[in-house]
Protein backbone atom coordinates (compact mmCIF):
# COMPACT_ATOMS: atom_id res chain seq x y z
CA MET A 1 0.00 0.00 0.00
CA LYS A 2 1.29 3.42 -0.98
CA TYR A 3 0.14 6.97 -0.35
CA ILE A 4 -0.32 9.55 -3.10
CA ILE A 5 -0.61 13.16 -1.89
CA ILE A 6 -2.22 15.54 -4.34
CA GLY A 7 -3.08 19.21 -3.92
CA ARG A 8 -2.62 22.68 -5.30
CA THR A 9 0.45 24.85 -4.79
CA GLY A 10 0.84 25.99 -1.18
CA THR A 11 -1.61 23.57 0.42
CA GLY A 12 1.07 21.88 2.55
CA LYS A 13 1.86 18.77 0.48
CA THR A 14 5.59 18.98 1.13
CA SER A 15 5.07 19.64 4.85
CA LEU A 16 2.98 16.47 5.16
CA LEU A 17 5.49 14.50 3.08
CA ASN A 18 8.32 15.61 5.39
CA MET A 19 6.36 14.59 8.48
CA LEU A 20 5.71 11.14 7.03
CA GLU A 21 9.40 10.77 6.14
CA GLN A 22 10.39 11.78 9.69
CA ARG A 23 8.10 9.00 10.93
CA GLY A 24 9.82 6.36 8.81
CA LEU A 25 8.01 6.30 5.46
CA LYS A 26 10.12 6.43 2.32
CA PRO A 27 9.26 9.35 0.01
CA LEU A 28 9.50 9.43 -3.76
CA ILE A 29 12.37 11.76 -4.65
CA THR A 30 11.66 13.58 -7.91
CA LYS A 31 14.44 14.92 -10.09
CA THR A 32 14.05 18.50 -11.28
CA THR A 33 15.91 21.19 -13.18
CA ARG A 34 14.32 24.03 -11.21
CA PRO A 35 16.51 26.10 -8.85
CA ILE A 36 16.56 25.19 -5.19
CA ARG A 37 14.32 27.48 -3.13
CA GLY A 38 16.22 27.40 0.12
CA PRO A 39 17.79 25.15 2.78
CA GLN A 40 14.43 23.50 3.54
CA ASP A 41 13.89 22.52 -0.09
CA THR A 42 15.10 18.93 0.29
CA ASN A 43 12.39 16.88 -1.41
CA TYR A 44 13.95 16.93 -4.86
CA MET A 45 17.15 15.87 -6.55
CA PHE A 46 18.29 19.03 -8.30
CA LEU A 47 19.91 18.61 -11.71
CA SER A 48 21.30 21.01 -14.26
CA LYS A 49 19.56 21.06 -17.62
CA ALA A 50 22.67 19.48 -19.15
CA ASP A 51 22.62 16.59 -16.65
CA ALA A 52 18.89 16.04 -17.20
CA ASP A 53 19.44 15.88 -20.95
CA LYS A 54 21.94 13.03 -20.46
CA ILE A 55 19.22 10.78 -18.98
CA PRO A 56 17.45 8.76 -21.73
CA ASP A 57 13.81 9.69 -22.28
CA ASP A 58 12.81 6.04 -21.74
CA ASP A 59 14.15 6.28 -18.18
CA LYS A 60 12.03 9.34 -17.36
CA PHE A 61 8.74 8.44 -15.70
CA LEU A 62 6.10 10.98 -14.59
CA TYR A 63 7.74 13.56 -16.81
CA THR A 64 6.26 17.05 -16.72
CA ILE A 65 7.29 20.67 -17.23
CA ILE A 66 6.21 23.37 -14.78
CA ASP A 67 7.28 26.99 -15.27
CA GLY A 68 9.79 25.77 -17.86
CA ASP A 69 11.48 23.37 -15.42
CA GLU A 70 11.56 19.58 -15.88
CA TYR A 71 10.29 17.14 -13.25
CA PHE A 72 10.62 13.34 -13.57
CA THR A 73 11.44 10.13 -11.72
CA SER A 74 11.70 6.41 -12.59
CA GLN A 75 9.34 3.46 -12.27
CA GLN A 76 11.76 1.75 -9.87
CA ASP A 77 11.73 4.82 -7.63
CA VAL A 78 7.92 4.57 -7.47
CA ARG A 79 8.12 0.87 -6.55
CA ASN A 80 10.53 1.65 -3.71
CA ALA A 81 8.56 4.60 -2.28
CA ASP A 82 5.89 4.55 0.44
CA VAL A 83 4.53 8.03 -0.25
CA MET A 84 4.65 10.46 -3.17
CA VAL A 85 3.40 13.90 -4.16
CA LEU A 86 1.90 13.96 -7.65
CA GLU A 87 0.11 16.22 -10.10
CA PRO A 88 -3.30 14.99 -11.39
CA SER A 89 -1.73 13.75 -14.63
CA GLY A 90 0.92 11.87 -12.66
CA LEU A 91 -1.75 10.28 -10.48
CA TRP A 92 -3.47 8.67 -13.47
CA GLU A 93 -0.12 7.62 -14.91
CA VAL A 94 0.87 5.79 -11.72
CA LEU A 95 -2.55 4.17 -11.26
CA ASN A 96 -2.43 2.85 -14.84
CA GLU A 97 1.18 1.67 -14.62
CA PHE A 98 0.82 -0.20 -11.29
CA PRO A 99 -2.60 -1.91 -11.41
CA ASP A 100 -1.69 -4.51 -8.75
CA THR A 101 -0.55 -1.95 -6.17
CA SER A 102 -3.01 -0.44 -3.69
CA PHE A 103 -2.93 3.36 -3.46
CA HIS A 104 -4.54 5.58 -0.84
CA ILE A 105 -5.20 9.00 -2.37
CA ILE A 106 -4.78 11.97 0.00
CA SER A 107 -6.33 15.17 -1.34
CA ILE A 108 -5.05 18.15 0.66
CA GLN A 109 -6.82 21.51 0.49
CA GLU A 110 -6.49 24.83 2.28
CA SER A 111 -9.07 26.05 4.80
CA ASN A 112 -8.57 29.64 3.62
CA PRO A 113 -7.01 30.92 0.34
CA LYS A 114 -5.37 33.82 2.20
CA LEU A 115 -3.60 31.43 4.56
CA ARG A 116 -2.45 29.42 1.57
CA ARG A 117 -0.82 32.48 0.00
CA GLN A 118 0.79 33.52 3.29
CA PHE A 119 2.20 30.01 3.70
CA ALA A 120 3.60 29.95 0.15
CA ILE A 121 5.21 33.40 0.51
CA ALA A 122 6.75 32.49 3.86
CA ARG A 123 8.14 29.29 2.33
CA CYS A 124 10.09 31.26 -0.29
CA ASN A 125 11.32 33.78 2.32
CA GLY A 126 9.45 36.66 0.72
CA ASP A 127 11.40 36.44 -2.56
CA PRO A 128 9.40 38.65 -4.99
CA VAL A 129 10.33 36.45 -7.96
CA GLN A 130 8.99 33.36 -6.18
CA GLN A 131 5.85 35.28 -5.20
CA GLN A 132 5.23 36.04 -8.87
CA LYS A 133 5.81 32.39 -9.74
CA PHE A 134 3.33 31.34 -7.04
CA SER A 135 0.66 33.59 -8.56
CA ALA A 136 1.39 32.19 -12.02
CA ARG A 137 1.24 28.59 -10.79
CA VAL A 138 -2.12 29.21 -9.09
CA ILE A 139 -3.57 30.30 -12.42
CA ASP A 140 -1.82 27.63 -14.47
CA GLU A 141 -2.93 24.70 -12.29
CA ASN A 142 -6.54 25.75 -11.82
CA ASP A 143 -8.08 23.83 -14.73
CA ARG A 144 -6.41 20.50 -14.08
CA PHE A 145 -7.04 20.58 -10.33
CA THR A 146 -10.65 21.71 -10.71
CA GLU A 147 -11.27 18.71 -12.97
CA PHE A 148 -9.62 16.31 -10.52
CA GLU A 149 -11.44 17.73 -7.49
CA GLN A 150 -14.79 17.43 -9.27
CA HIS A 151 -13.99 13.86 -10.24
CA MET A 152 -13.13 13.05 -6.64
CA THR A 153 -16.35 14.66 -5.38
CA ASN A 154 -18.37 12.60 -7.88
CA CYS A 155 -16.70 9.42 -6.64
CA GLU A 156 -17.54 10.26 -3.02
CA GLU A 157 -21.15 11.13 -3.80
CA ASN A 158 -21.71 8.04 -5.97
CA LYS A 159 -19.59 5.76 -3.72
CA THR A 160 -17.35 4.79 -6.62
CA VAL A 161 -13.56 4.76 -6.94
CA LEU A 162 -11.10 6.74 -9.02
CA ALA A 163 -9.62 3.45 -10.21
CA PRO A 164 -9.75 -0.19 -9.02
CA ASN A 165 -6.37 0.22 -7.30
CA ALA A 166 -7.23 3.60 -5.70
CA THR A 167 -8.73 1.85 -2.71
CA ARG A 168 -9.22 4.80 -0.37
CA LEU A 169 -9.86 8.53 -0.83
CA LEU A 170 -8.94 10.86 2.04
CA ARG A 171 -9.50 14.61 2.29
CA ILE A 172 -7.29 16.77 4.50
CA VAL A 173 -8.22 20.40 5.14
CA ASN A 174 -5.07 22.26 6.15
CA ASP A 175 -5.63 25.20 8.51
CA TYR A 176 -1.82 25.69 8.67
CA ALA A 177 -1.65 24.94 12.38
CA GLN A 178 1.36 22.68 12.97
CA THR A 179 -0.63 20.12 14.95
CA THR A 180 -3.20 19.59 12.17
CA LEU A 181 -0.83 17.92 9.74
CA GLU A 182 1.08 16.23 12.56
CA LYS A 183 -2.09 14.45 13.70
CA TRP A 184 -2.77 13.33 10.15
CA ALA A 185 0.82 12.15 9.77
CA ASP A 186 0.56 10.05 12.95
CA TRP A 187 -2.70 8.49 11.73
CA LEU A 188 -1.36 7.75 8.25
CA VAL A 189 1.77 6.10 9.63
CA ALA A 190 -0.38 4.00 11.98
CA GLN A 191 -2.46 2.87 8.99
CA HIS A 192 0.68 2.01 7.05
CA ARG A 193 2.00 -0.07 9.94
CA LEU A 194 -1.36 -1.80 10.27
CA ALA A 195 -1.19 -2.79 6.60
CA HIS A 196 2.34 -4.15 7.09
CA ASN A 197 1.35 -6.15 10.19
CA LEU A 198 -1.76 -7.54 8.49
CA ASP A 199 0.36 -8.61 5.54
CA THR A 200 2.64 -10.56 7.89
CA ILE A 201 -0.37 -12.27 9.53
CA LEU A 202 -1.92 -12.99 6.14
CA GLN A 203 1.29 -14.64 4.91
CA GLN A 204 1.34 -16.84 8.00
CA CYS A 205 -2.26 -17.85 7.29
CA VAL A 206 -1.34 -18.72 3.71
CA ASP A 207 1.66 -20.75 4.87
CA LEU A 208 -0.57 -22.67 7.29
CA ASN A 209 -3.23 -23.22 4.59
CA THR A 210 -5.87 -21.50 6.74
CA VAL A 211 -6.69 -19.01 3.96
CA ASP A 212 -7.56 -20.17 0.47
CA THR A 213 -5.87 -18.74 -2.62
CA ASN A 214 -6.05 -19.62 -6.30
CA ASP A 215 -3.08 -20.53 -8.48
CA ARG A 216 -2.33 -16.81 -8.99
CA GLY A 217 -2.14 -16.16 -5.23
CA GLU A 218 -5.46 -14.27 -5.22
CA PHE A 219 -7.96 -14.42 -2.37
CA PRO A 220 -11.68 -15.32 -2.63
CA VAL A 221 -14.20 -12.78 -1.34
CA LYS A 222 -17.99 -12.58 -1.55
CA ASP A 223 -19.81 -9.55 -2.89
CA TYR A 224 -23.12 -8.26 -1.53
CA HIS A 225 -25.01 -10.84 -3.62
CA GLY A 226 -22.97 -13.75 -2.28
CA ASN A 227 -20.98 -14.24 -5.49
CA VAL A 228 -17.34 -15.21 -5.06
CA LYS A 229 -14.60 -13.31 -6.86
CA TYR A 230 -10.82 -13.38 -6.48
CA VAL A 231 -8.79 -10.27 -5.64
CA ASN A 232 -5.07 -9.62 -5.36
CA ARG A 233 -3.23 -9.48 -2.06
CA GLU A 234 -3.14 -5.71 -1.61
CA TYR A 235 -6.82 -5.30 -2.40
CA PHE A 236 -7.65 -8.06 0.10
CA LEU A 237 -5.60 -6.31 2.81
CA ASP A 238 -7.45 -3.06 2.12
CA MET A 239 -10.77 -4.84 2.47
CA LEU A 240 -9.72 -6.06 5.91
CA MET A 241 -8.54 -2.60 6.97
CA ASN A 242 -11.67 -0.81 5.74
CA ASP A 243 -14.29 -3.30 6.95
CA GLU A 244 -14.33 -4.29 10.62
CA GLN A 245 -16.86 -7.04 9.98
CA ALA A 246 -14.58 -8.54 7.31
CA MET A 247 -11.70 -8.39 9.77
C-alpha cells in the first residue's frame, strides 16, 4: 500500500510529506531542473539542464514541465517509495502503470485561500520572484485541479472509486496549524504499519493453509449478492482494513 498526496500549490503537500518521512516512510524523490528554493527545499534531486538531458527519455517516468522546469522520476523509484506527491496527470499515470498496487489518495486543500498564499510566501522567504511564480502557478494549475477535485467529489457522492487500485480517498483540510498535519501524519503512519502487520499475519495464514488462494495467489471474497470473486493481495488487505466485519 502506498500513499499519493495531491493538492494545489501551497496547500502543505511537502510539509505532510516531510512529516511522514520523519516518521519512517520512504518518500519518492523527484528529479528536477528548477533552482533550489532554500535550505528547507530537500524533497527533490536538483539537476542542471545538461545533466537532465543526459538521462534517456525512456528512463524518465512521470515527466512534466512546470514553469519551464523539468520534473521526472523512474518506475523503480515509485516501486521503492511509500509516499509520493503527484500532479493529477501523474496520479493517473501511476494508477495505470501499477494496477496490482493499492494506493490511498490523499487530497489536501487549504481552509482559507489567504492562509495558503501567506504560507507559500513564507516558504520562499518573501522572494518577490517566487511570489510572482506562485501567482502564475495558481492560475496555471486551476483547470487540471478543478477537474480532478470534481472527479473526486463525484466518486464520493456516488460511492465509486477513481480506479480499481485507488482503494481509499482521504481529504485533508489544512488550517496551517502545525498540529493539524502532525495528527494526520501520525494516523497515516499507523495505517501504514497496520497494513504491514496484516500482511505478515496474512502470509502466516497462507503458509498454514488457513486461507484459500487460487493458483495466482489471489484471495476469494464474496460480494453483496454472495458471489465469489478473487482479488489480489493488496486489495484483500485493504478490504480487511476498511471493513471491521470482514476483519
